């Protein structure tokens, strides 16, 4: 018998909807500090413990699909796809008046995520290492926020870790780019 793709045999699929039971628990924090003149520092993070409490009949990862292998695999107790154990976001902004209604500013933001598997079947080929992305912004603008010109750098360290990595799909890392950002508000 052929399946809909014209391939002989039976095909199994794993989908989020056929998981009987998952557990996701954790803790998060978010703090900001403004005790240094003209400076704001922020730090937030999370610890997540997300796993399949029960998933005895998951579709198999592509590398497990060989002749004579069982139709399903048991993912009970395994970490959920995309669930990084730790994440952290740290940044700071410094703003300083330079004229009566203008201020210069510089800021950075770094996001870190620990190792995670991005495939719904938890393929051994879909693990991505812990990584971070840093963005910076340097500019000058009105102190009332009505106009600002900034040079922006996204992915300053040129992180190459993919956004999605599965046997059937791939989304590359966020590109490093530089730009000029102009913002303003005119009228009432």
C-alpha atoms as a PDB file:
ATOM      1  CA  UNK A   1       0.000   0.000   0.000  1.00  0.00           C
ATOM      2  CA  UNK A   2       1.305   3.480  -0.845  1.00  0.00           C
ATOM      3  CA  UNK A   3       0.743   6.519   1.341  1.00  0.00           C
ATOM      4  CA  UNK A   4      -0.271   9.920  -0.029  1.00  0.00           C
ATOM      5  CA  UNK A   5       3.322  10.658  -1.058  1.00  0.00           C
ATOM      6  CA  UNK A   6       3.523   7.494  -3.147  1.00  0.00           C
ATOM      7  CA  UNK A   7       5.944   5.834  -0.721  1.00  0.00           C
ATOM      8  CA  UNK A   8       5.286   2.266   0.315  1.00  0.00           C
ATOM      9  CA  UNK A   9       4.618   1.684   4.008  1.00  0.00           C
ATOM     10  CA  UNK A  10       3.124   3.546   6.913  1.00  0.00           C
ATOM     11  CA  UNK A  11       4.132   7.083   7.872  1.00  0.00           C
ATOM     12  CA  UNK A  12       3.884   8.420  11.442  1.00  0.00           C
ATOM     13  CA  UNK A  13       3.825  12.042  12.480  1.00  0.00           C
ATOM     14  CA  UNK A  14       4.337  13.784  15.789  1.00  0.00           C
ATOM     15  CA  UNK A  15       2.305  16.881  16.539  1.00  0.00           C
ATOM     16  CA  UNK A  16       1.865  19.047  19.579  1.00  0.00           C
ATOM     17  CA  UNK A  17      -1.794  18.027  19.775  1.00  0.00           C
ATOM     18  CA  UNK A  18      -1.146  14.334  20.440  1.00  0.00           C
ATOM     19  CA  UNK A  19       0.852  14.778  23.661  1.00  0.00           C
ATOM     20  CA  UNK A  20      -1.140  13.448  26.651  1.00  0.00           C
ATOM     21  CA  UNK A  21       0.633  15.399  29.400  1.00  0.00           C
ATOM     22  CA  UNK A  22       3.392  17.985  29.775  1.00  0.00           C
ATOM     23  CA  UNK A  23       4.733  19.853  32.772  1.00  0.00           C
ATOM     24  CA  UNK A  24       6.234  23.315  32.611  1.00  0.00           C
ATOM     25  CA  UNK A  25       7.415  25.043  35.746  1.00  0.00           C
ATOM     26  CA  UNK A  26      10.016  27.614  36.552  1.00  0.00           C
ATOM     27  CA  UNK A  27      10.833  31.002  37.942  1.00  0.00           C
ATOM     28  CA  UNK A  28      11.569  34.369  36.450  1.00  0.00           C
ATOM     29  CA  UNK A  29      12.766  37.751  37.615  1.00  0.00           C
ATOM     30  CA  UNK A  30      12.923  41.280  36.243  1.00  0.00           C
ATOM     31  CA  UNK A  31      14.837  44.102  37.942  1.00  0.00           C
ATOM     32  CA  UNK A  32      15.913  47.601  36.968  1.00  0.00           C
ATOM     33  CA  UNK A  33      18.277  49.985  38.698  1.00  0.00           C
ATOM     34  CA  UNK A  34      18.397  53.774  38.252  1.00  0.00           C
ATOM     35  CA  UNK A  35      20.716  54.731  41.141  1.00  0.00           C
ATOM     36  CA  UNK A  36      23.492  55.988  38.836  1.00  0.00           C
ATOM     37  CA  UNK A  37      22.853  59.433  37.317  1.00  0.00           C
ATOM     38  CA  UNK A  38      21.559  59.327  33.712  1.00  0.00           C
ATOM     39  CA  UNK A  39      21.761  55.513  33.696  1.00  0.00           C
ATOM     40  CA  UNK A  40      19.248  52.677  33.684  1.00  0.00           C
ATOM     41  CA  UNK A  41      20.393  49.081  34.088  1.00  0.00           C
ATOM     42  CA  UNK A  42      18.025  46.164  33.621  1.00  0.00           C
ATOM     43  CA  UNK A  43      18.330  42.442  34.159  1.00  0.00           C
ATOM     44  CA  UNK A  44      15.726  39.748  33.664  1.00  0.00           C
ATOM     45  CA  UNK A  45      15.911  36.007  33.441  1.00  0.00           C
ATOM     46  CA  UNK A  46      14.105  32.736  33.678  1.00  0.00           C
ATOM     47  CA  UNK A  47      14.669  29.140  34.666  1.00  0.00           C
ATOM     48  CA  UNK A  48      12.315  26.673  32.982  1.00  0.00           C
ATOM     49  CA  UNK A  49      11.791  22.976  33.633  1.00  0.00           C
ATOM     50  CA  UNK A  50       9.493  21.868  30.794  1.00  0.00           C
ATOM     51  CA  UNK A  51       9.190  18.198  29.902  1.00  0.00           C
ATOM     52  CA  UNK A  52       6.875  15.479  28.651  1.00  0.00           C
ATOM     53  CA  UNK A  53       5.232  13.950  31.721  1.00  0.00           C
ATOM     54  CA  UNK A  54       3.700  11.349  29.435  1.00  0.00           C
ATOM     55  CA  UNK A  55       4.342  10.838  25.712  1.00  0.00           C
ATOM     56  CA  UNK A  56       4.715   7.101  25.054  1.00  0.00           C
ATOM     57  CA  UNK A  57       3.933   7.169  21.338  1.00  0.00           C
ATOM     58  CA  UNK A  58       5.711  10.075  19.676  1.00  0.00           C
ATOM     59  CA  UNK A  59       6.590  10.118  16.022  1.00  0.00           C
ATOM     60  CA  UNK A  60      10.254   9.306  15.479  1.00  0.00           C
ATOM     61  CA  UNK A  61      13.133  11.583  14.657  1.00  0.00           C
ATOM     62  CA  UNK A  62      14.294  11.079  11.089  1.00  0.00           C
ATOM     63  CA  UNK A  63      17.522   9.330  12.143  1.00  0.00           C
ATOM     64  CA  UNK A  64      15.473   6.667  13.999  1.00  0.00           C
ATOM     65  CA  UNK A  65      13.393   5.778  10.966  1.00  0.00           C
ATOM     66  CA  UNK A  66      15.180   2.645   9.704  1.00  0.00           C
ATOM     67  CA  UNK A  67      13.766  -0.734   8.624  1.00  0.00           C
ATOM     68  CA  UNK A  68      12.554  -2.798  11.557  1.00  0.00           C
ATOM     69  CA  UNK A  69      12.497   0.116  14.005  1.00  0.00           C
ATOM     70  CA  UNK A  70       9.440   0.519  16.241  1.00  0.00           C
ATOM     71  CA  UNK A  71       6.600   2.649  14.891  1.00  0.00           C
ATOM     72  CA  UNK A  72       6.761   5.106  17.813  1.00  0.00           C
ATOM     73  CA  UNK A  73       9.276   6.279  20.408  1.00  0.00           C
ATOM     74  CA  UNK A  74       8.722   7.147  24.065  1.00  0.00           C
ATOM     75  CA  UNK A  75       9.605  10.766  24.879  1.00  0.00           C
ATOM     76  CA  UNK A  76       8.267  10.610  28.455  1.00  0.00           C
ATOM     77  CA  UNK A  77      10.617  12.600  30.716  1.00  0.00           C
ATOM     78  CA  UNK A  78      12.353  14.384  27.799  1.00  0.00           C
ATOM     79  CA  UNK A  79      12.675  18.174  27.603  1.00  0.00           C
ATOM     80  CA  UNK A  80      10.110  19.958  25.423  1.00  0.00           C
ATOM     81  CA  UNK A  81      11.372  21.241  22.087  1.00  0.00           C
ATOM     82  CA  UNK A  82      12.601  24.829  22.190  1.00  0.00           C
ATOM     83  CA  UNK A  83      12.594  24.921  25.997  1.00  0.00           C
ATOM     84  CA  UNK A  84      15.936  26.403  26.997  1.00  0.00           C
ATOM     85  CA  UNK A  85      16.649  25.731  30.669  1.00  0.00           C
ATOM     86  CA  UNK A  86      17.968  29.263  31.270  1.00  0.00           C
ATOM     87  CA  UNK A  87      17.503  32.628  29.611  1.00  0.00           C
ATOM     88  CA  UNK A  88      18.897  35.999  30.584  1.00  0.00           C
ATOM     89  CA  UNK A  89      18.441  39.536  29.248  1.00  0.00           C
ATOM     90  CA  UNK A  90      20.841  42.240  30.417  1.00  0.00           C
ATOM     91  CA  UNK A  91      21.210  45.797  29.240  1.00  0.00           C
ATOM     92  CA  UNK A  92      21.937  49.371  30.114  1.00  0.00           C
ATOM     93  CA  UNK A  93      21.175  52.824  28.779  1.00  0.00           C
ATOM     94  CA  UNK A  94      23.056  56.049  29.443  1.00  0.00           C
ATOM     95  CA  UNK A  95      21.441  59.405  28.554  1.00  0.00           C
ATOM     96  CA  UNK A  96      23.182  62.720  29.117  1.00  0.00           C
ATOM     97  CA  UNK A  97      21.948  66.252  28.368  1.00  0.00           C
ATOM     98  CA  UNK A  98      24.185  68.088  25.887  1.00  0.00           C
ATOM     99  CA  UNK A  99      22.130  71.221  25.136  1.00  0.00           C
ATOM    100  CA  UNK A 100      19.008  72.718  26.650  1.00  0.00           C
ATOM    101  CA  UNK A 101      16.616  70.205  25.047  1.00  0.00           C
ATOM    102  CA  UNK A 102      18.947  67.605  23.497  1.00  0.00           C
ATOM    103  CA  UNK A 103      20.564  64.533  24.994  1.00  0.00           C
ATOM    104  CA  UNK A 104      23.060  61.967  23.771  1.00  0.00           C
ATOM    105  CA  UNK A 105      22.386  58.319  24.502  1.00  0.00           C
ATOM    106  CA  UNK A 106      24.025  54.938  24.215  1.00  0.00           C
ATOM    107  CA  UNK A 107      22.511  51.567  25.082  1.00  0.00           C
ATOM    108  CA  UNK A 108      23.083  47.853  24.710  1.00  0.00           C
ATOM    109  CA  UNK A 109      20.984  44.761  25.218  1.00  0.00           C
ATOM    110  CA  UNK A 110      22.222  41.163  25.360  1.00  0.00           C
ATOM    111  CA  UNK A 111      19.932  38.127  25.325  1.00  0.00           C
ATOM    112  CA  UNK A 112      21.289  34.686  26.302  1.00  0.00           C
ATOM    113  CA  UNK A 113      19.546  31.305  25.897  1.00  0.00           C
ATOM    114  CA  UNK A 114      21.003  28.003  27.068  1.00  0.00           C
ATOM    115  CA  UNK A 115      21.239  24.862  24.932  1.00  0.00           C
ATOM    116  CA  UNK A 116      17.944  23.579  23.517  1.00  0.00           C
ATOM    117  CA  UNK A 117      16.550  21.145  20.967  1.00  0.00           C
ATOM    118  CA  UNK A 118      14.405  22.844  18.330  1.00  0.00           C
ATOM    119  CA  UNK A 119      12.736  19.809  16.714  1.00  0.00           C
ATOM    120  CA  UNK A 120       9.344  18.407  17.798  1.00  0.00           C
ATOM    121  CA  UNK A 121      10.769  14.869  17.485  1.00  0.00           C
ATOM    122  CA  UNK A 122      13.871  15.853  19.513  1.00  0.00           C
ATOM    123  CA  UNK A 123      16.224  14.817  16.711  1.00  0.00           C
ATOM    124  CA  UNK A 124      19.841  14.528  17.811  1.00  0.00           C
ATOM    125  CA  UNK A 125      20.684  16.840  14.881  1.00  0.00           C
ATOM    126  CA  UNK A 126      18.495  19.690  16.148  1.00  0.00           C
ATOM    127  CA  UNK A 127      20.405  20.710  19.269  1.00  0.00           C
ATOM    128  CA  UNK A 128      21.639  24.299  19.274  1.00  0.00           C
ATOM    129  CA  UNK A 129      24.252  25.470  21.763  1.00  0.00           C
ATOM    130  CA  UNK A 130      23.711  28.164  24.338  1.00  0.00           C
ATOM    131  CA  UNK A 131      24.209  31.506  22.662  1.00  0.00           C
ATOM    132  CA  UNK A 132      23.707  35.234  22.973  1.00  0.00           C
ATOM    133  CA  UNK A 133      22.817  38.158  20.747  1.00  0.00           C
ATOM    134  CA  UNK A 134      23.850  41.750  21.518  1.00  0.00           C
ATOM    135  CA  UNK A 135      22.363  44.916  20.031  1.00  0.00           C
ATOM    136  CA  UNK A 136      23.677  48.470  20.522  1.00  0.00           C
ATOM    137  CA  UNK A 137      22.267  51.914  19.876  1.00  0.00           C
ATOM    138  CA  UNK A 138      24.077  55.288  19.870  1.00  0.00           C
ATOM    139  CA  UNK A 139      22.298  58.544  19.132  1.00  0.00           C
ATOM    140  CA  UNK A 140      21.132  62.029  19.886  1.00  0.00           C
ATOM    141  CA  UNK A 141      17.607  63.267  20.388  1.00  0.00           C
ATOM    142  CA  UNK A 142      15.269  65.666  22.051  1.00  0.00           C
ATOM    143  CA  UNK A 143      14.841  65.123  25.777  1.00  0.00           C
ATOM    144  CA  UNK A 144      11.041  65.096  25.340  1.00  0.00           C
ATOM    145  CA  UNK A 145      11.324  62.160  22.902  1.00  0.00           C
ATOM    146  CA  UNK A 146       9.787  64.016  19.944  1.00  0.00           C
ATOM    147  CA  UNK A 147      12.822  63.457  17.661  1.00  0.00           C
ATOM    148  CA  UNK A 148      15.803  61.100  17.719  1.00  0.00           C
ATOM    149  CA  UNK A 149      18.561  59.954  15.347  1.00  0.00           C
ATOM    150  CA  UNK A 150      20.482  56.777  16.215  1.00  0.00           C
ATOM    151  CA  UNK A 151      22.989  54.378  14.747  1.00  0.00           C
ATOM    152  CA  UNK A 152      21.787  50.846  15.485  1.00  0.00           C
ATOM    153  CA  UNK A 153      23.761  47.600  15.320  1.00  0.00           C
ATOM    154  CA  UNK A 154      21.787  44.355  15.550  1.00  0.00           C
ATOM    155  CA  UNK A 155      23.594  41.089  16.357  1.00  0.00           C
ATOM    156  CA  UNK A 156      26.855  42.926  17.100  1.00  0.00           C
ATOM    157  CA  UNK A 157      28.830  39.697  17.684  1.00  0.00           C
ATOM    158  CA  UNK A 158      27.462  38.112  14.464  1.00  0.00           C
ATOM    159  CA  UNK A 159      25.893  35.116  16.224  1.00  0.00           C
ATOM    160  CA  UNK A 160      25.322  32.341  13.647  1.00  0.00           C
ATOM    161  CA  UNK A 161      23.078  30.002  15.701  1.00  0.00           C
ATOM    162  CA  UNK A 162      19.936  29.194  13.664  1.00  0.00           C
ATOM    163  CA  UNK A 163      16.466  30.250  14.764  1.00  0.00           C
ATOM    164  CA  UNK A 164      14.919  26.944  13.587  1.00  0.00           C
ATOM    165  CA  UNK A 165      16.748  23.675  12.994  1.00  0.00           C
ATOM    166  CA  UNK A 166      14.643  20.627  12.137  1.00  0.00           C
ATOM    167  CA  UNK A 167      15.035  17.748   9.708  1.00  0.00           C
ATOM    168  CA  UNK A 168      12.538  19.356   7.330  1.00  0.00           C
ATOM    169  CA  UNK A 169      13.116  23.069   7.918  1.00  0.00           C
ATOM    170  CA  UNK A 170      15.854  25.542   8.687  1.00  0.00           C
ATOM    171  CA  UNK A 171      15.731  29.236   9.513  1.00  0.00           C
ATOM    172  CA  UNK A 172      19.144  30.899   9.636  1.00  0.00           C
ATOM    173  CA  UNK A 173      20.385  33.121  12.433  1.00  0.00           C
ATOM    174  CA  UNK A 174      19.333  36.723  12.672  1.00  0.00           C
ATOM    175  CA  UNK A 175      21.585  38.677  10.309  1.00  0.00           C
ATOM    176  CA  UNK A 176      24.033  41.214  11.611  1.00  0.00           C
ATOM    177  CA  UNK A 177      23.111  44.641  10.336  1.00  0.00           C
ATOM    178  CA  UNK A 178      23.827  48.303  10.858  1.00  0.00           C
ATOM    179  CA  UNK A 179      21.343  51.083  10.295  1.00  0.00           C
ATOM    180  CA  UNK A 180      20.356  54.653  10.844  1.00  0.00           C
ATOM    181  CA  UNK A 181      17.134  55.038  12.785  1.00  0.00           C
ATOM    182  CA  UNK A 182      15.189  58.282  12.741  1.00  0.00           C
ATOM    183  CA  UNK A 183      12.105  58.607  14.927  1.00  0.00           C
ATOM    184  CA  UNK A 184       9.874  61.560  15.489  1.00  0.00           C
ATOM    185  CA  UNK A 185       6.473  62.815  16.380  1.00  0.00           C
ATOM    186  CA  UNK A 186       5.062  65.781  14.551  1.00  0.00           C
ATOM    187  CA  UNK A 187       1.770  67.525  15.116  1.00  0.00           C
ATOM    188  CA  UNK A 188      -0.739  66.959  17.831  1.00  0.00           C
END
